[in-house]
Amino acid sequence: MNAPILAVEDLHVHIGEAHVLRGVSFEVAPGEAVGLVGETGSGKTMTVRATTGLLPSIHGRVTAGRILIEGLDATGADQKGWRRWQGKTLALVPQSSMSSLSPLRRVRGQLAETIRRVDPAGDVDAEVQALLESVHLPPSKELLHSYPHELSGGMRQRVMIALALAVKPRLLVADEPTTALDVAVRRSILELLHELRTDRNLALVMISHDIGAIASSTEKIVVMYGGRSVESGPTQEVLADPHHPYTKALLAAMPHRTPAGEPLPVVPGQPPRPEDVSAGCAFADRCPSAMDACRAEIPALVPLPSGGQVACLLADRPDGVPRAAPEAVVR
């Protein structure tokens, strides 16, 4: 087994007094794809900020746990320290291509700036052409001289991916890479990411609320809720046999699982804000199987026979014995 290119160990993050991440753990091996999934507010994007060195820009700080990049501890690094990994080991494809690309600069100028920063003596025009071709965009004069607002959403997203590839990373972090794209374009972006992974042996961390995109694009999945990882493991095994009530609820709400004419199941209630997460399991108030103990005890991640982990007092242990008495269930 290859040593992980990224290892996140029981990560806790505060922004001011707000405790926004409360125990996030996962690993990414070279060439491997890991998906983080959960509702808005579950902590996915905050995990991205922490693992790409962007916490200082929002006055965030790691208060417990570790972030290891290629075995080196990046947990306490400042912005200068993070530069050893940013644009070398890892690169970020941000959530919104329209707001992430400069509206005042043409495509060629934005790509050329990044290329010169990485290789000041390189052939900029040749590299721009190669990058655009790698993301299946024609390096035409029209495209090179276009501003972001003149491109379609899919083209902007491909330019963002090209910008990330310009630094020749070994790990690509893609935050909601298919948001606001139609079905056909969404599929083409996912196919592109898969192709780039195969051709370049890229590791990938993909963040999405779309379980379908995670299912088709990753080998491992991390389900997040209330700033914690509540279930993880091989993607297909977790989706085929989920153990956490939240994972089950997310899967039940997928449209293709509901027969035509029947109402779409929804998870009742709303995800908690960081300041509203109290003692116990953050999902307890929305869980149909919650016990009194769920509101008093924070469930630890425990191993599953599949090789995954789950944080739930009712989840089966490897020996098959429930971790809590079922008669204590509160309906």
Protein backbone atom coordinates (compact mmCIF):
# COMPACT_ATOMS: atom_id res chain seq x y z
CA MET A 1 0.00 0.00 0.00
CA ASN A 2 1.40 3.38 -0.98
CA ALA A 3 1.98 5.88 1.82
CA PRO A 4 -0.81 8.49 1.78
CA ILE A 5 -0.17 11.73 -0.06
CA LEU A 6 -2.66 13.35 2.36
CA ALA A 7 -3.65 12.17 5.82
CA VAL A 8 -6.19 14.04 7.95
CA GLU A 9 -6.31 12.84 11.55
CA ASP A 10 -9.16 13.82 13.90
CA LEU A 11 -9.09 17.40 12.62
CA HIS A 12 -10.72 20.19 14.65
CA VAL A 13 -10.98 23.76 13.34
CA HIS A 14 -12.25 26.97 14.91
CA ILE A 15 -13.14 30.26 13.24
CA GLY A 16 -13.26 32.72 16.07
CA GLU A 17 -15.29 30.95 18.74
CA ALA A 18 -17.16 28.76 16.23
CA HIS A 19 -16.12 25.09 16.30
CA VAL A 20 -16.61 24.31 12.58
CA LEU A 21 -14.79 20.97 12.27
CA ARG A 22 -15.15 18.50 15.14
CA GLY A 23 -13.22 15.40 14.10
CA VAL A 24 -12.51 14.76 10.42
CA SER A 25 -10.33 11.83 9.41
CA PHE A 26 -9.41 10.34 6.03
CA GLU A 27 -6.43 9.39 3.89
CA VAL A 28 -5.67 9.71 0.18
CA ALA A 29 -3.08 7.46 -1.46
CA PRO A 30 -1.23 8.47 -4.66
CA GLY A 31 -3.54 8.04 -7.63
CA GLU A 32 -6.57 7.41 -5.40
CA ALA A 33 -9.87 9.31 -5.46
CA VAL A 34 -11.70 10.11 -2.22
CA GLY A 35 -15.10 11.81 -2.11
CA LEU A 36 -16.45 13.99 0.70
CA VAL A 37 -20.23 14.16 0.70
CA GLY A 38 -22.86 15.82 2.87
CA GLU A 39 -25.42 18.62 2.98
CA THR A 40 -24.50 22.29 2.90
CA GLY A 41 -22.98 23.13 6.27
CA SER A 42 -21.62 19.65 6.92
CA GLY A 43 -18.01 20.89 6.85
CA LYS A 44 -16.89 19.78 3.37
CA THR A 45 -15.60 23.13 2.12
CA MET A 46 -14.05 23.96 5.50
CA THR A 47 -12.12 20.70 5.23
CA VAL A 48 -10.91 21.85 1.81
CA ARG A 49 -9.72 25.15 3.26
CA ALA A 50 -7.89 23.40 6.07
CA THR A 51 -6.16 20.86 3.83
CA THR A 52 -5.07 23.43 1.22
CA GLY A 53 -3.72 26.04 3.63
CA LEU A 54 -6.50 28.59 3.21
CA LEU A 55 -7.66 28.83 6.83
CA PRO A 56 -5.64 32.00 7.63
CA SER A 57 -7.53 33.91 4.92
CA ILE A 58 -10.78 33.42 6.90
CA HIS A 59 -9.11 33.72 10.33
CA GLY A 60 -9.46 30.02 10.96
CA ARG A 61 -7.10 27.82 12.95
CA VAL A 62 -6.54 24.13 13.60
CA THR A 63 -7.18 23.48 17.30
CA ALA A 64 -6.65 19.71 17.38
CA GLY A 65 -5.65 16.87 15.09
CA ARG A 66 -3.13 16.82 12.25
CA ILE A 67 -2.79 17.37 8.51
CA LEU A 68 0.05 15.34 6.97
CA ILE A 69 1.14 15.95 3.38
CA GLU A 70 3.50 13.29 2.05
CA GLY A 71 4.32 12.47 5.67
CA LEU A 72 5.20 16.04 6.65
CA ASP A 73 3.10 17.80 9.31
CA ALA A 74 1.39 20.86 7.82
CA THR A 75 -0.90 21.43 10.80
CA GLY A 76 0.76 24.53 12.23
CA ALA A 77 2.19 25.94 9.02
CA ASP A 78 1.67 29.63 8.27
CA GLN A 79 0.98 30.95 4.77
CA LYS A 80 4.69 31.01 3.95
CA GLY A 81 5.07 27.45 5.16
CA TRP A 82 2.12 26.27 3.08
CA ARG A 83 3.79 27.47 -0.12
CA ARG A 84 6.01 24.41 -0.06
CA TRP A 85 2.91 22.34 -0.88
CA GLN A 86 0.57 24.78 -2.65
CA GLY A 87 1.20 24.65 -6.35
CA LYS A 88 3.66 21.78 -5.99
CA THR A 89 2.13 18.84 -4.21
CA LEU A 90 -1.51 19.96 -4.27
CA ALA A 91 -3.73 22.28 -6.27
CA LEU A 92 -7.31 23.44 -5.75
CA VAL A 93 -10.16 23.68 -8.24
CA PRO A 94 -12.46 26.14 -6.38
CA GLN A 95 -16.21 25.85 -6.16
CA SER A 96 -17.15 28.73 -8.47
CA SER A 97 -15.24 29.22 -11.71
CA MET A 98 -16.98 32.53 -12.40
CA SER A 99 -15.84 34.13 -9.16
CA SER A 100 -12.44 32.37 -9.06
CA LEU A 101 -11.26 33.50 -12.50
CA SER A 102 -10.28 37.16 -12.82
CA PRO A 103 -13.01 38.96 -14.80
CA LEU A 104 -10.43 41.51 -16.01
CA ARG A 105 -7.96 39.10 -17.58
CA ARG A 106 -8.14 36.98 -20.69
CA VAL A 107 -7.71 33.20 -20.60
CA ARG A 108 -4.15 33.24 -21.93
CA GLY A 109 -3.02 35.85 -19.42
CA GLN A 110 -4.37 33.89 -16.46
CA LEU A 111 -2.74 30.65 -17.59
CA ALA A 112 0.54 32.37 -18.50
CA GLU A 113 0.83 33.99 -15.06
CA THR A 114 0.63 30.62 -13.31
CA ILE A 115 3.02 28.96 -15.77
CA ARG A 116 5.66 31.70 -15.31
CA ARG A 117 5.41 31.35 -11.55
CA VAL A 118 6.16 27.63 -11.80
CA ASP A 119 8.73 27.75 -14.62
CA PRO A 120 9.98 31.27 -15.41
CA ALA A 121 12.23 30.00 -18.21
CA GLY A 122 9.67 27.72 -19.86
CA ASP A 123 7.91 28.10 -23.21
CA VAL A 124 4.70 29.78 -22.09
CA ASP A 125 2.82 29.50 -25.38
CA ALA A 126 3.62 25.81 -25.75
CA GLU A 127 2.56 25.12 -22.16
CA VAL A 128 -0.69 27.08 -22.55
CA GLN A 129 -1.51 25.05 -25.63
CA ALA A 130 -0.69 21.76 -23.91
CA LEU A 131 -2.81 22.64 -20.87
CA LEU A 132 -5.85 23.60 -22.92
CA GLU A 133 -5.55 20.45 -25.01
CA SER A 134 -5.29 18.34 -21.84
CA VAL A 135 -8.72 19.60 -20.75
CA HIS A 136 -10.15 19.24 -24.26
CA LEU A 137 -10.32 22.92 -25.12
CA PRO A 138 -9.07 24.13 -28.53
CA PRO A 139 -6.14 26.55 -28.04
CA SER A 140 -7.66 28.90 -30.61
CA LYS A 141 -6.97 32.63 -30.76
CA GLU A 142 -10.63 33.24 -29.95
CA LEU A 143 -10.45 31.22 -26.71
CA LEU A 144 -7.06 32.61 -25.66
CA HIS A 145 -8.32 36.18 -25.97
CA SER A 146 -11.69 35.54 -24.28
CA TYR A 147 -12.69 36.89 -20.89
CA PRO A 148 -14.34 34.47 -18.43
CA HIS A 149 -17.81 35.96 -18.93
CA GLU A 150 -17.58 35.12 -22.63
CA LEU A 151 -17.22 31.39 -21.93
CA SER A 152 -19.83 28.79 -21.07
CA GLY A 153 -19.92 27.30 -17.58
CA GLY A 154 -18.30 24.08 -18.80
CA MET A 155 -15.51 25.95 -20.57
CA ARG A 156 -14.80 28.06 -17.49
CA GLN A 157 -14.58 24.92 -15.36
CA ARG A 158 -12.12 23.37 -17.82
CA VAL A 159 -9.99 26.54 -17.69
CA MET A 160 -10.02 26.29 -13.87
CA ILE A 161 -8.83 22.68 -14.10
CA ALA A 162 -6.12 23.73 -16.57
CA LEU A 163 -4.96 26.41 -14.12
CA ALA A 164 -4.72 23.79 -11.36
CA LEU A 165 -2.76 21.43 -13.63
CA ALA A 166 -0.32 24.20 -14.57
CA VAL A 167 1.53 23.68 -11.28
CA LYS A 168 1.92 19.94 -11.99
CA PRO A 169 0.36 18.77 -8.70
CA ARG A 170 0.23 15.22 -7.40
CA LEU A 171 -3.06 15.86 -5.59
CA LEU A 172 -6.03 17.71 -7.05
CA VAL A 173 -8.72 19.00 -4.67
CA ALA A 174 -11.97 19.70 -6.52
CA ASP A 175 -14.62 21.57 -4.53
CA GLU A 176 -18.06 20.97 -6.08
CA PRO A 177 -16.60 20.79 -9.64
CA THR A 178 -19.99 20.14 -11.28
CA THR A 179 -22.12 22.75 -9.48
CA ALA A 180 -24.45 24.80 -11.74
CA LEU A 181 -23.63 22.69 -14.81
CA ASP A 182 -26.24 20.85 -16.86
CA VAL A 183 -26.32 17.05 -16.91
CA ALA A 184 -24.30 16.56 -20.09
CA VAL A 185 -21.58 19.05 -19.10
CA ARG A 186 -21.46 17.61 -15.57
CA ARG A 187 -20.81 14.16 -17.01
CA SER A 188 -18.08 15.48 -19.30
CA ILE A 189 -16.27 17.18 -16.38
CA LEU A 190 -16.37 13.97 -14.33
CA GLU A 191 -15.03 12.02 -17.32
CA LEU A 192 -12.26 14.59 -17.71
CA LEU A 193 -11.22 14.27 -14.06
CA HIS A 194 -11.11 10.48 -14.43
CA GLU A 195 -9.00 10.76 -17.57
CA LEU A 196 -6.55 13.16 -15.92
CA ARG A 197 -6.21 10.86 -12.92
CA THR A 198 -5.41 7.92 -15.17
CA ASP A 199 -3.01 9.79 -17.45
CA ARG A 200 -1.13 11.64 -14.70
CA ASN A 201 -1.56 9.28 -11.73
CA LEU A 202 -3.24 12.17 -9.91
CA ALA A 203 -4.75 11.72 -6.49
CA LEU A 204 -8.15 13.39 -6.17
CA VAL A 205 -10.24 14.72 -3.30
CA MET A 206 -13.68 15.56 -4.65
CA ILE A 207 -16.20 17.48 -2.56
CA SER A 208 -19.85 17.26 -3.55
CA HIS A 209 -23.42 17.10 -2.28
CA ASP A 210 -24.12 14.87 -5.32
CA ILE A 211 -23.77 11.25 -4.22
CA GLY A 212 -24.13 10.11 -7.82
CA ALA A 213 -21.03 12.08 -8.83
CA ILE A 214 -19.09 10.67 -5.87
CA ALA A 215 -20.27 7.13 -6.68
CA SER A 216 -19.02 7.28 -10.26
CA SER A 217 -15.73 9.06 -9.56
CA THR A 218 -14.16 7.80 -6.32
CA GLU A 219 -12.82 4.66 -4.67
CA LYS A 220 -13.43 5.84 -1.10
CA ILE A 221 -16.15 8.00 0.42
CA VAL A 222 -16.33 10.12 3.58
CA VAL A 223 -19.82 11.10 4.72
CA MET A 224 -19.77 14.31 6.76
CA TYR A 225 -22.31 15.81 9.14
CA GLY A 226 -22.05 18.55 11.74
CA GLY A 227 -18.35 19.06 11.04
CA ARG A 228 -17.47 15.38 11.56
CA SER A 229 -16.81 12.36 9.40
CA VAL A 230 -19.63 10.02 10.43
CA GLU A 231 -19.05 7.16 7.98
CA SER A 232 -16.27 6.22 5.58
CA GLY A 233 -15.04 3.30 3.55
CA PRO A 234 -14.91 1.89 0.02
CA THR A 235 -17.42 3.93 -1.99
CA GLN A 236 -19.42 1.08 -3.50
CA GLU A 237 -19.59 -0.84 -0.22
CA VAL A 238 -20.75 2.18 1.78
CA LEU A 239 -23.43 3.00 -0.79
CA ALA A 240 -24.59 -0.62 -1.04
CA ASP A 241 -24.68 -1.22 2.74
CA PRO A 242 -24.70 2.08 4.69
CA HIS A 243 -24.46 1.88 8.49
CA HIS A 244 -25.04 5.45 9.66
CA PRO A 245 -28.66 6.74 9.71
CA TYR A 246 -27.53 9.93 7.94
CA THR A 247 -25.92 7.98 5.08
CA LYS A 248 -29.11 5.93 4.76
CA ALA A 249 -31.23 9.10 4.67
CA LEU A 250 -29.07 10.70 1.97
CA LEU A 251 -29.33 7.60 -0.21
CA ALA A 252 -33.09 7.32 0.31
CA ALA A 253 -33.48 10.91 -0.92
CA MET A 254 -31.85 10.18 -4.30
CA PRO A 255 -34.52 10.71 -6.98
CA HIS A 256 -33.83 7.50 -8.93
CA ARG A 257 -34.59 5.42 -5.82
CA THR A 258 -38.14 6.75 -5.57
CA PRO A 259 -40.83 5.14 -7.78
CA ALA A 260 -42.53 7.49 -10.25
CA GLY A 261 -45.48 9.31 -8.72
CA GLU A 262 -44.36 8.88 -5.12
CA PRO A 263 -43.11 11.83 -3.03
CA LEU A 264 -39.36 12.14 -2.71
CA PRO A 265 -38.15 11.24 0.82
CA VAL A 266 -36.47 14.09 2.67
CA VAL A 267 -34.34 14.28 5.78
CA PRO A 268 -36.50 16.17 8.30
CA GLY A 269 -35.16 19.30 9.94
CA GLN A 270 -32.07 21.31 9.08
CA PRO A 271 -28.34 20.70 9.52
CA PRO A 272 -27.10 22.35 12.71
CA ARG A 273 -25.04 25.52 12.69
CA PRO A 274 -21.65 25.18 14.41
CA GLU A 275 -22.84 27.10 17.46
CA ASP A 276 -25.88 24.83 17.78
CA VAL A 277 -24.00 21.53 17.91
CA SER A 278 -24.24 20.34 21.51
CA ALA A 279 -23.07 17.28 23.38
CA GLY A 280 -23.80 13.97 21.74
CA CYS A 281 -24.39 13.03 18.12
CA ALA A 282 -25.09 16.08 15.92
CA PHE A 283 -27.62 14.04 13.90
CA ALA A 284 -29.65 12.95 16.95
CA ASP A 285 -32.43 15.53 16.54
CA ARG A 286 -33.08 14.39 12.95
CA CYS A 287 -32.52 10.66 13.45
CA PRO A 288 -35.60 8.40 13.64
CA SER A 289 -33.67 5.88 15.78
CA ALA A 290 -32.08 8.28 18.26
CA MET A 291 -31.70 7.13 21.87
CA ASP A 292 -31.18 9.18 25.01
CA ALA A 293 -27.53 8.15 24.91
CA CYS A 294 -27.17 9.68 21.44
CA ARG A 295 -27.78 13.14 22.91
CA ALA A 296 -25.26 12.64 25.70
CA GLU A 297 -22.36 10.72 24.11
CA ILE A 298 -20.31 11.67 21.06
CA PRO A 299 -19.97 8.41 19.12
CA ALA A 300 -16.42 7.51 18.18
CA LEU A 301 -15.49 6.17 14.76
CA VAL A 302 -15.36 2.38 15.03
CA PRO A 303 -14.18 -0.11 12.41
CA LEU A 304 -16.58 -2.09 10.24
CA PRO A 305 -16.04 -5.53 8.71
CA SER A 306 -15.87 -3.89 5.26
CA GLY A 307 -12.78 -1.94 6.28
CA GLY A 308 -14.72 1.28 6.72
CA GLN A 309 -15.64 3.21 9.85
CA VAL A 310 -18.85 4.57 11.34
CA ALA A 311 -19.67 6.91 14.23
CA CYS A 312 -23.02 5.67 15.53
CA LEU A 313 -24.01 4.10 18.84
CA LEU A 314 -26.42 1.75 17.04
CA ALA A 315 -23.95 0.58 14.41
CA ASP A 316 -22.83 -3.03 14.61
CA ARG A 317 -19.36 -3.73 15.89
CA PRO A 318 -17.06 -6.12 14.00
CA ASP A 319 -18.27 -8.92 16.31
CA GLY A 320 -21.85 -8.24 15.19
CA VAL A 321 -23.08 -7.03 18.59
CA PRO A 322 -24.94 -3.68 18.59
CA ARG A 323 -23.10 -1.01 20.55
CA ALA A 324 -26.30 0.09 22.33
CA ALA A 325 -29.49 -1.61 23.51
CA PRO A 326 -32.25 -1.27 20.87
CA GLU A 327 -34.98 -1.03 23.53
CA ALA A 328 -33.61 2.41 24.43
CA VAL A 329 -34.72 3.84 21.10
CA VAL A 330 -36.77 7.04 21.37
CA ARG A 331 -39.44 7.42 18.70
